[in-house]
Amino acid sequence: MAIACELSALGTEERERRSALARKLFGAVVERRELDRGFTFRVEQARATLAEIGDWIALERRCCPFFDFRIDVAPEGGAVWLMVSGGEGVKEFLRAELEG
């Protein structure tokens, strides 16, 4: 599968919402772990809600369908982890986006 974002899959308001959610979500990351095919991020729940994470995923998967997402939520207010991964080249793409 090709790694190419299709931003035209989102309207102007959706692109703005996706960008705002991404800033909020990745601003709430308190730990990042590298995986074989991507990264997993521990998100501080007080700064980004599960609903916001879900909204970001819903928009992101429309313009970047090559990503694989998973949310792990520990019981009793425990950690929330967001995994973003995919096929060959996705990890490098993510690294460039995160560091760029």
Foldseek 3Di string as FASTA:
>chain_A
DDFDFAVVLDDPVLVVLLVVLVCQFVVQFPDWDDDPFAIKTWGDCVRHPPVSVVSNCVSRCSGGVQWDWDWDDDPPRDIIMITIGGDPPNRVVVVVVVVD
